[in-house]
Protein backbone atom coordinates (compact mmCIF):
# COMPACT_ATOMS: atom_id res chain seq x y z
CA MET A 1 0.06 -0.05 0.16
CA ARG A 2 2.95 2.43 1.04
CA ILE A 3 4.66 1.36 -2.19
CA ARG A 4 1.56 2.15 -4.34
CA SER A 5 1.08 5.48 -2.66
CA LEU A 6 4.75 6.37 -3.34
CA LEU A 7 4.31 5.44 -7.03
CA LEU A 8 1.27 7.67 -7.35
CA ALA A 9 2.85 10.50 -5.90
CA LEU A 10 5.93 10.26 -8.25
CA LEU A 11 3.47 9.98 -11.23
CA LEU A 12 1.74 13.25 -10.18
CA VAL A 13 5.28 14.95 -9.81
CA VAL A 14 6.25 13.83 -13.45
CA VAL A 15 3.02 14.92 -14.85
CA GLY A 16 3.25 18.39 -13.21
CA VAL A 17 6.65 18.67 -14.32
CA SER A 18 5.77 17.82 -18.06
CA ALA A 19 2.83 20.42 -17.66
CA THR A 20 4.95 23.19 -16.66
CA ALA A 21 7.70 22.32 -19.45
CA ALA A 22 4.76 22.51 -21.91
CA ALA A 23 3.63 25.74 -20.62
CA TYR A 24 7.02 27.22 -20.47
CA GLN A 25 7.78 25.95 -24.32
CA ALA A 26 4.48 27.80 -25.20
CA ARG A 27 5.51 30.92 -23.40
CA SER A 28 8.89 30.65 -24.86
CA GLY A 29 7.55 29.92 -28.52
CA ASP A 30 5.27 33.05 -28.15
CA ALA A 31 8.38 35.24 -27.03
CA ASP A 32 10.43 33.82 -30.02
CA GLU A 33 7.43 34.66 -32.25
CA ARG A 34 7.36 38.27 -30.90
CA ILE A 35 11.05 38.52 -31.19
CA THR A 36 10.93 37.38 -34.83
CA GLU A 37 7.91 39.83 -35.65
CA ALA A 38 10.02 42.61 -33.98
CA ALA A 39 13.22 41.78 -36.01
CA ALA A 40 11.13 41.71 -39.25
CA ALA A 41 9.55 45.10 -38.37
CA ASP A 42 13.37 46.36 -37.86
CA ALA A 43 14.45 44.92 -40.89
CA ALA A 44 11.63 46.35 -43.22
CA GLU A 45 13.05 48.33 -46.05
CA HIS A 46 12.40 51.96 -46.54
CA THR A 47 9.90 53.32 -48.93
CA VAL A 48 9.89 56.41 -51.06
CA THR A 49 6.57 58.00 -52.00
CA LEU A 50 6.46 60.04 -55.08
CA ARG A 51 4.17 62.95 -55.59
CA ASN A 52 3.41 64.87 -58.76
CA GLU A 53 2.11 68.33 -57.99
CA THR A 54 3.11 69.81 -61.31
CA ASP A 55 0.34 70.43 -64.07
CA SER A 56 1.45 67.67 -66.41
CA HIS A 57 2.29 64.07 -66.38
CA VAL A 58 5.62 62.97 -64.87
CA TRP A 59 7.24 59.68 -65.80
CA VAL A 60 9.54 58.76 -62.87
CA GLY A 61 13.12 57.88 -63.69
CA SER A 62 15.84 56.34 -61.59
CA THR A 63 19.54 55.42 -61.68
CA ALA A 64 21.44 53.17 -59.32
CA ASN A 65 25.06 53.59 -58.50
CA THR A 66 27.29 51.00 -59.68
CA ASP A 67 28.38 49.54 -56.33
CA GLY A 68 26.01 46.65 -56.19
CA SER A 69 22.79 48.73 -55.95
CA LEU A 70 19.98 47.12 -57.70
CA PRO A 71 18.23 49.02 -60.29
CA LEU A 72 14.47 50.20 -59.79
CA THR A 73 12.13 48.96 -62.25
CA GLU A 74 8.42 49.11 -62.74
CA LEU A 75 8.47 52.93 -61.99
CA PRO A 76 5.14 54.84 -62.03
CA THR A 77 3.79 57.38 -64.62
CA LEU A 78 1.98 60.06 -62.38
CA ALA A 79 -0.70 62.39 -63.61
CA PRO A 80 -1.03 65.74 -61.82
CA GLY A 81 -2.17 65.24 -58.36
CA GLN A 82 -1.20 61.51 -58.24
CA SER A 83 1.28 59.66 -55.91
CA ALA A 84 2.95 56.28 -55.81
CA THR A 85 5.43 54.48 -53.44
CA VAL A 86 8.16 52.19 -54.11
CA THR A 87 10.07 50.01 -51.82
CA ILE A 88 13.87 50.51 -51.81
CA PRO A 89 15.94 47.09 -52.07
CA GLU A 90 18.51 48.05 -49.59
CA ARG A 91 18.77 44.69 -48.17
CA SER A 92 19.19 43.29 -51.51
CA GLY A 93 22.32 42.83 -53.53
CA ALA A 94 25.16 44.73 -51.74
CA GLY A 95 23.03 45.40 -48.49
CA HIS A 96 22.62 49.03 -49.63
CA TRP A 97 20.94 51.05 -52.07
CA ARG A 98 22.36 54.43 -53.47
CA GLY A 99 20.80 56.14 -56.44
CA THR A 100 18.52 58.82 -57.64
CA LEU A 101 14.84 59.43 -58.72
CA PHE A 102 13.89 62.22 -61.03
CA ALA A 103 11.04 63.62 -63.15
CA ARG A 104 10.78 63.09 -66.94
CA GLN A 105 8.71 65.30 -68.72
CA GLY A 106 7.20 65.68 -72.33
CA CYS A 107 7.50 61.89 -73.15
CA THR A 108 6.07 60.43 -76.29
CA GLY A 109 6.66 57.57 -78.62
CA GLU A 110 6.23 53.67 -78.63
CA GLU A 111 7.28 51.91 -75.66
CA GLY A 112 10.53 50.06 -76.06
CA THR A 113 11.56 51.77 -79.60
CA THR A 114 10.73 55.42 -80.18
CA PHE A 115 9.82 56.44 -76.54
CA HIS A 116 11.74 59.47 -75.41
CA CYS A 117 11.26 62.52 -73.07
CA ALA A 118 11.92 66.15 -73.62
CA VAL A 119 13.38 66.36 -70.00
CA GLY A 120 15.40 63.75 -68.20
CA ASP A 121 15.51 61.26 -71.18
CA CYS A 122 17.00 57.83 -70.12
CA GLY A 123 16.04 55.40 -72.61
CA PRO A 124 13.07 53.95 -74.67
CA PHE A 125 11.10 52.53 -71.51
CA ALA A 126 8.40 54.34 -69.60
CA ASP A 127 8.82 52.28 -66.38
CA ARG A 128 12.55 52.21 -66.01
CA CYS A 129 15.95 53.96 -67.29
CA SER A 130 18.26 52.02 -69.61
CA LEU A 131 20.74 54.71 -70.17
CA GLY A 132 22.17 57.74 -68.04
CA GLU A 133 19.80 60.61 -67.65
CA GLN A 134 20.10 63.80 -69.61
CA PRO A 135 20.68 66.73 -67.26
CA VAL A 136 17.84 67.12 -64.72
CA GLY A 137 17.12 67.80 -61.12
CA LEU A 138 17.64 64.89 -58.82
CA ALA A 139 16.48 63.57 -55.54
CA GLU A 140 19.73 61.53 -54.36
CA PHE A 141 19.57 58.84 -51.71
CA ASN A 142 22.08 56.74 -49.71
CA PHE A 143 20.14 53.76 -48.09
CA ASP A 144 22.74 51.85 -46.06
CA THR A 145 21.98 48.98 -43.70
CA ALA A 146 25.36 49.24 -42.16
CA ASP A 147 25.12 53.14 -41.51
CA THR A 148 23.19 53.76 -38.35
CA ALA A 149 22.72 57.49 -39.43
CA ALA A 150 21.18 56.42 -42.70
CA PRO A 151 19.31 57.16 -44.75
CA TRP A 152 21.04 60.24 -46.17
CA TYR A 153 19.46 62.23 -48.82
CA ASP A 154 19.85 65.56 -50.77
CA VAL A 155 18.26 67.50 -53.75
CA SER A 156 20.83 68.07 -56.43
CA TYR A 157 20.88 70.67 -59.30
CA VAL A 158 24.42 70.16 -60.18
CA ASN A 159 23.81 69.16 -63.60
CA ALA A 160 20.37 70.87 -64.18
CA VAL A 161 16.95 71.93 -62.85
CA SER A 162 13.41 71.55 -64.28
CA VAL A 163 10.79 71.10 -61.90
CA PRO A 164 11.48 71.85 -58.10
CA VAL A 165 12.04 68.95 -56.03
CA THR A 166 11.65 68.46 -52.13
CA ILE A 167 12.38 65.46 -49.97
CA THR A 168 10.55 65.13 -46.68
CA PRO A 169 10.96 62.27 -44.33
CA ASP A 170 7.96 60.10 -43.26
CA GLY A 171 7.04 59.12 -39.78
CA VAL A 172 8.81 62.04 -37.84
CA ALA A 173 8.04 65.67 -37.23
CA PRO A 174 10.29 67.68 -39.33
CA PRO A 175 12.50 70.21 -37.09
CA GLU A 176 11.95 73.88 -37.12
CA ASN A 177 15.54 75.04 -37.63
CA GLY A 178 16.98 72.33 -39.88
CA GLY A 179 19.26 69.39 -38.71
CA GLU A 180 18.27 65.78 -38.62
CA CYS A 181 15.30 64.83 -40.64
CA ALA A 182 14.83 68.36 -42.18
CA GLU A 183 13.25 68.80 -45.69
CA ALA A 184 15.73 69.05 -48.49
CA GLY A 185 15.04 71.27 -51.52
CA CYS A 186 12.70 74.03 -52.03
CA PRO A 187 9.20 74.18 -53.67
CA GLY A 188 9.55 77.57 -55.27
CA ASP A 189 9.90 78.43 -58.97
CA LEU A 190 13.48 78.04 -59.84
CA LEU A 191 13.43 78.20 -63.51
CA SER A 192 12.59 81.95 -63.24
CA ALA A 193 16.21 82.41 -61.80
CA CYS A 194 17.91 80.66 -64.68
CA PRO A 195 20.35 82.78 -66.50
CA PRO A 196 19.01 83.23 -70.08
CA GLU A 197 21.88 81.47 -71.73
CA ASN A 198 21.47 78.35 -69.54
CA LEU A 199 17.62 77.94 -70.42
CA THR A 200 16.13 75.56 -72.88
CA ARG A 201 12.55 76.40 -73.89
CA GLU A 202 9.86 74.25 -75.43
CA GLN A 203 9.90 74.60 -79.25
CA GLY A 204 6.62 76.47 -80.44
CA THR A 205 5.23 77.36 -77.01
CA GLY A 206 8.56 79.01 -75.65
CA LYS A 207 7.71 77.40 -72.14
CA PRO A 208 10.73 77.05 -69.98
CA LEU A 209 11.75 73.45 -69.73
CA VAL A 210 15.25 73.03 -68.21
CA CYS A 211 18.04 75.10 -67.00
CA VAL A 212 21.31 73.37 -67.55
CA ASN A 213 24.51 74.14 -65.41
CA PRO A 214 27.35 75.09 -67.68
CA ASN A 215 30.07 73.85 -65.45
CA ARG A 216 29.11 71.59 -62.78
CA ASP A 217 32.58 71.62 -60.97
CA ALA A 218 32.87 75.41 -60.44
CA LYS A 219 30.85 78.33 -59.11
CA THR A 220 28.97 79.96 -62.04
CA ALA A 221 26.17 82.60 -62.40
CA TYR A 222 23.92 79.25 -62.56
CA SER A 223 24.89 77.98 -59.18
CA GLU A 224 24.76 81.49 -57.66
CA ALA A 225 21.17 82.10 -58.87
CA LEU A 226 20.16 78.63 -57.77
CA THR A 227 21.83 78.82 -54.38
CA ARG A 228 19.78 82.21 -53.68
CA GLN A 229 16.61 80.74 -54.55
CA CYS A 230 17.07 77.46 -52.86
CA PRO A 231 19.99 77.02 -50.16
CA ARG A 232 18.77 73.69 -49.37
CA ALA A 233 19.83 72.08 -52.61
CA TYR A 234 23.19 71.31 -54.44
CA ALA A 235 24.09 73.87 -57.14
CA TRP A 236 27.41 72.75 -57.98
CA SER A 237 29.59 69.46 -57.29
CA ARG A 238 31.47 70.98 -54.32
CA HIS A 239 28.65 72.70 -52.42
CA ASP A 240 28.63 70.46 -49.73
CA ALA A 241 32.27 71.62 -48.69
CA GLU A 242 31.13 75.22 -48.36
CA ALA A 243 30.94 76.53 -44.63
CA GLY A 244 27.43 76.72 -43.37
CA ASN A 245 25.95 74.67 -46.31
CA GLN A 246 22.69 72.87 -45.79
CA VAL A 247 22.42 70.55 -48.71
CA VAL A 248 22.93 66.94 -47.17
CA ARG A 249 20.48 65.55 -44.67
CA GLN A 250 20.07 62.23 -42.71
CA CYS A 251 17.15 60.80 -40.82
CA SER A 252 17.79 57.40 -39.00
CA LYS A 253 14.30 57.59 -37.44
CA CYS A 254 12.12 57.85 -40.81
CA THR A 255 10.30 54.97 -42.17
CA GLY A 256 10.75 56.36 -45.56
CA LEU A 257 10.65 59.58 -47.53
CA THR A 258 8.40 61.45 -49.94
CA VAL A 259 9.74 63.01 -52.93
CA THR A 260 7.57 65.82 -54.39
CA PHE A 261 7.72 67.25 -57.81
CA HIS A 262 6.39 70.71 -57.58
CA GLY A 263 4.84 73.14 -60.28
CA ALA A 264 6.92 75.85 -61.38
CA GLY A 265 4.75 78.55 -59.41
CA ALA A 266 4.88 76.46 -56.24
CA ALA A 267 5.35 78.42 -52.97
CA ARG A 268 5.61 77.88 -49.27
């Protein structure tokens, strides 16, 4: 009788231990799942939202650096007032993405053969670039998973300016006096500041199309005029070396960034 009682007690202990172990494993599994979900959230790739606030269609173009950055394809065509979002492949390929996004305008022709654009032409495809772009204003980015301060971003008119471009971080409140997560670029009319000798106009209508920098590696009347109009954008290649410049920004806290192509008469 005493042996039977001892066996029964031992059985109850074993059952209790097994139940405790099962409960622990369940809790541990839940915790592992939460950790996995958190890691997945941390690993989420940034996005760039593209907004067309001009009065005409914009075909979005892009170039990627030749450092392992993957080229962007299936880029949107935006009617006035439209927006679209692309995911940046910063965790693919080399583990970073460095490149540009820009507005192509006045595009006509047959996809894959005769398609071309009056501004920012970069090959015969509407949804991607197969050639380097003709001079145009650029939204430039450095998304680097190894850089805790990334992404870095700037608006560059080093080669040319057409529509005004701004870059604004998503998911954070922009600071009042510049610094981290500040807006890059300016929404105001820039073509009106272009020196006449650098301005290209649309044939027939005379509408200003693009202002091309005559010397990207030196200060010129072009760079001086653009800097006065928009100090938060590159106007020449060494602009970032000037004391007190405001041309490059970074925002480690943002979920993505918004690039807005503004109308020539935009103001803020």
